[in-house]
């Protein structure tokens, strides 16, 4: 459900810059930062790179981009 939210111009500029490097839309970048912040808040003992990997894995799972791993 899309809703309008007011954000500071500086945050929007930073998100726009980051979105270009990450191949995300502006909205996707802000959502990513929000999810990362939420995950960090809920898991203060985990380093940010691990949380980023977890979010990436969840996104791959949601897009059905996972492949089966064969042992041996």
N, C-alpha and C. Protein backbone atom coordinates (compact mmCIF):
# COMPACT_ATOMS: atom_id res chain seq x y z
N UNK A 1 0.84 -1.16 0.00
CA UNK A 1 0.00 0.00 0.00
C UNK A 1 0.89 1.24 0.00
N UNK A 2 0.95 1.96 -1.09
CA UNK A 2 1.77 3.17 -1.15
C UNK A 2 1.18 4.28 -0.29
N UNK A 3 2.05 4.97 0.43
CA UNK A 3 1.64 6.13 1.20
C UNK A 3 2.69 7.21 1.04
N UNK A 4 2.29 8.45 1.25
CA UNK A 4 3.22 9.57 1.14
C UNK A 4 3.90 9.78 2.50
N UNK A 5 5.21 9.97 2.46
CA UNK A 5 5.99 10.21 3.67
C UNK A 5 6.92 11.37 3.39
N UNK A 6 7.05 12.29 4.34
CA UNK A 6 7.96 13.40 4.16
C UNK A 6 9.34 13.00 4.66
N UNK A 7 10.35 13.21 3.82
CA UNK A 7 11.74 12.91 4.16
C UNK A 7 12.58 14.16 3.91
N UNK A 8 13.66 14.28 4.62
CA UNK A 8 14.53 15.44 4.41
C UNK A 8 15.17 15.37 3.03
N UNK A 9 15.46 16.52 2.49
CA UNK A 9 16.11 16.57 1.18
C UNK A 9 17.46 15.89 1.19
N UNK A 10 18.20 16.03 2.29
CA UNK A 10 19.53 15.41 2.36
C UNK A 10 19.43 13.89 2.33
N UNK A 11 18.44 13.33 3.04
CA UNK A 11 18.27 11.88 3.02
C UNK A 11 17.89 11.40 1.63
N UNK A 12 17.02 12.12 0.96
CA UNK A 12 16.60 11.74 -0.39
C UNK A 12 17.79 11.82 -1.34
N UNK A 13 18.61 12.86 -1.22
CA UNK A 13 19.80 12.97 -2.08
C UNK A 13 20.75 11.79 -1.84
N UNK A 14 21.00 11.47 -0.57
CA UNK A 14 21.89 10.35 -0.24
C UNK A 14 21.33 9.03 -0.75
N UNK A 15 20.03 8.84 -0.57
CA UNK A 15 19.39 7.61 -1.03
C UNK A 15 19.43 7.50 -2.55
N UNK A 16 19.24 8.62 -3.24
CA UNK A 16 19.29 8.60 -4.70
C UNK A 16 20.68 8.23 -5.18
N UNK A 17 21.69 8.79 -4.55
CA UNK A 17 23.07 8.47 -4.91
C UNK A 17 23.38 7.00 -4.66
N UNK A 18 22.98 6.51 -3.49
CA UNK A 18 23.22 5.11 -3.13
C UNK A 18 22.43 4.16 -4.03
N UNK A 19 21.24 4.57 -4.44
CA UNK A 19 20.39 3.70 -5.26
C UNK A 19 21.01 3.46 -6.63
N UNK A 20 21.68 4.46 -7.17
CA UNK A 20 22.30 4.31 -8.48
C UNK A 20 23.43 3.29 -8.44
N UNK A 21 24.22 3.32 -7.38
CA UNK A 21 25.31 2.36 -7.25
C UNK A 21 24.85 0.95 -6.94
N UNK A 22 23.66 0.84 -6.36
CA UNK A 22 23.14 -0.47 -5.96
C UNK A 22 22.10 -1.01 -6.93
N UNK A 23 21.86 -0.31 -8.03
CA UNK A 23 20.84 -0.71 -9.01
C UNK A 23 19.47 -0.89 -8.38
N UNK A 24 19.11 0.07 -7.53
CA UNK A 24 17.78 0.08 -6.92
C UNK A 24 17.09 1.38 -7.29
N UNK A 25 15.77 1.37 -7.22
CA UNK A 25 15.04 2.62 -7.36
C UNK A 25 15.20 3.40 -6.05
N UNK A 26 14.82 4.66 -6.07
CA UNK A 26 14.89 5.47 -4.86
C UNK A 26 14.05 4.84 -3.76
N UNK A 27 12.84 4.42 -4.09
CA UNK A 27 11.96 3.78 -3.09
C UNK A 27 12.57 2.49 -2.56
N UNK A 28 13.13 1.68 -3.45
CA UNK A 28 13.76 0.42 -3.02
C UNK A 28 14.94 0.69 -2.09
N UNK A 29 15.71 1.74 -2.37
CA UNK A 29 16.86 2.07 -1.53
C UNK A 29 16.41 2.48 -0.13
N UNK A 30 15.39 3.31 -0.06
CA UNK A 30 14.89 3.75 1.25
C UNK A 30 14.30 2.57 2.01
N UNK A 31 13.58 1.70 1.31
CA UNK A 31 13.05 0.49 1.97
C UNK A 31 14.19 -0.40 2.46
N UNK A 32 15.25 -0.54 1.66
CA UNK A 32 16.40 -1.35 2.06
C UNK A 32 17.02 -0.79 3.33
N UNK A 33 17.25 0.53 3.34
CA UNK A 33 17.83 1.15 4.54
C UNK A 33 16.92 0.95 5.76
N UNK A 34 15.62 1.04 5.56
CA UNK A 34 14.67 0.85 6.66
C UNK A 34 14.74 -0.58 7.19
N UNK A 35 14.79 -1.55 6.26
CA UNK A 35 14.88 -2.96 6.68
C UNK A 35 16.19 -3.24 7.40
N UNK A 36 17.28 -2.66 6.88
CA UNK A 36 18.59 -2.84 7.50
C UNK A 36 18.62 -2.21 8.89
N UNK A 37 18.05 -1.04 9.02
CA UNK A 37 17.98 -0.39 10.32
C UNK A 37 17.15 -1.18 11.31
N UNK A 38 16.02 -1.72 10.83
CA UNK A 38 15.16 -2.55 11.69
C UNK A 38 15.90 -3.81 12.13
N UNK A 39 16.56 -4.46 11.17
CA UNK A 39 17.31 -5.68 11.50
C UNK A 39 18.44 -5.37 12.48
N UNK A 40 19.10 -4.25 12.30
CA UNK A 40 20.18 -3.85 13.19
C UNK A 40 19.64 -3.55 14.59
N UNK A 41 18.50 -2.91 14.65
CA UNK A 41 17.88 -2.60 15.94
C UNK A 41 17.45 -3.87 16.67
N UNK A 42 16.96 -4.85 15.92
CA UNK A 42 16.50 -6.11 16.51
C UNK A 42 17.65 -7.07 16.84
N UNK A 43 18.82 -6.87 16.22
CA UNK A 43 19.97 -7.76 16.40
C UNK A 43 21.23 -6.93 16.63
N UNK A 44 21.32 -6.24 17.75
CA UNK A 44 22.44 -5.32 17.97
C UNK A 44 23.81 -6.00 18.04
N UNK A 45 23.85 -7.30 18.26
CA UNK A 45 25.13 -8.01 18.36
C UNK A 45 25.67 -8.46 17.00
N UNK A 46 24.86 -8.37 15.94
CA UNK A 46 25.30 -8.80 14.62
C UNK A 46 25.91 -7.63 13.86
N UNK A 47 27.05 -7.85 13.22
CA UNK A 47 27.64 -6.79 12.40
C UNK A 47 26.77 -6.49 11.17
N UNK A 48 26.82 -5.26 10.70
CA UNK A 48 26.01 -4.83 9.56
C UNK A 48 26.25 -5.69 8.32
N UNK A 49 27.51 -6.05 7.97
CA UNK A 49 27.69 -6.90 6.78
C UNK A 49 26.94 -8.23 6.86
N UNK A 50 26.84 -8.80 8.03
CA UNK A 50 26.08 -10.06 8.17
C UNK A 50 24.60 -9.79 7.94
N UNK A 51 24.10 -8.69 8.50
CA UNK A 51 22.70 -8.34 8.29
C UNK A 51 22.42 -8.07 6.81
N UNK A 52 23.37 -7.44 6.12
CA UNK A 52 23.20 -7.19 4.68
C UNK A 52 23.12 -8.51 3.92
N UNK A 53 23.97 -9.47 4.30
CA UNK A 53 23.93 -10.78 3.64
C UNK A 53 22.61 -11.49 3.90
N UNK A 54 22.10 -11.36 5.11
CA UNK A 54 20.81 -11.98 5.45
C UNK A 54 19.70 -11.37 4.60
N UNK A 55 19.69 -10.04 4.48
CA UNK A 55 18.67 -9.38 3.66
C UNK A 55 18.79 -9.79 2.20
N UNK A 56 20.01 -9.92 1.70
CA UNK A 56 20.22 -10.35 0.32
C UNK A 56 19.71 -11.77 0.12
N UNK A 57 19.97 -12.63 1.08
CA UNK A 57 19.49 -14.02 0.99
C UNK A 57 17.97 -14.08 1.00
N UNK A 58 17.35 -13.27 1.84
CA UNK A 58 15.88 -13.24 1.88
C UNK A 58 15.31 -12.75 0.55
N UNK A 59 15.96 -11.75 -0.06
CA UNK A 59 15.50 -11.24 -1.35
C UNK A 59 15.63 -12.30 -2.43
N UNK A 60 16.75 -13.04 -2.43
CA UNK A 60 16.94 -14.12 -3.40
C UNK A 60 15.87 -15.19 -3.23
N UNK A 61 15.57 -15.52 -1.99
CA UNK A 61 14.55 -16.53 -1.72
C UNK A 61 13.20 -16.06 -2.24
N UNK A 62 12.87 -14.80 -2.00
CA UNK A 62 11.59 -14.27 -2.44
C UNK A 62 11.50 -14.21 -3.97
N UNK A 63 12.62 -14.10 -4.65
CA UNK A 63 12.62 -14.06 -6.12
C UNK A 63 12.84 -15.45 -6.73
N UNK A 64 12.87 -16.47 -5.88
CA UNK A 64 13.11 -17.86 -6.32
C UNK A 64 14.42 -17.98 -7.09
N UNK A 65 15.45 -17.28 -6.63
CA UNK A 65 16.75 -17.35 -7.30
C UNK A 65 17.74 -18.25 -6.56
N UNK A 66 17.21 -19.14 -5.76
CA UNK A 66 18.07 -20.05 -5.02
C UNK A 66 18.25 -21.34 -5.81
N UNK A 67 19.39 -21.95 -5.65
CA UNK A 67 19.62 -23.25 -6.29
C UNK A 67 19.97 -24.26 -5.23
N UNK A 68 19.69 -25.51 -5.52
CA UNK A 68 19.98 -26.58 -4.56
C UNK A 68 21.48 -26.79 -4.44
N UNK A 69 21.93 -27.04 -3.24
CA UNK A 69 23.32 -27.29 -2.98
C UNK A 69 23.52 -28.78 -2.82
N UNK A 70 24.49 -29.32 -3.50
CA UNK A 70 24.79 -30.75 -3.40
C UNK A 70 26.09 -30.92 -2.63
N UNK A 71 26.03 -31.73 -1.61
CA UNK A 71 27.23 -32.05 -0.83
C UNK A 71 28.03 -33.11 -1.55
N UNK A 72 29.35 -32.97 -1.48
CA UNK A 72 30.24 -34.00 -2.03
C UNK A 72 30.38 -33.96 -3.45
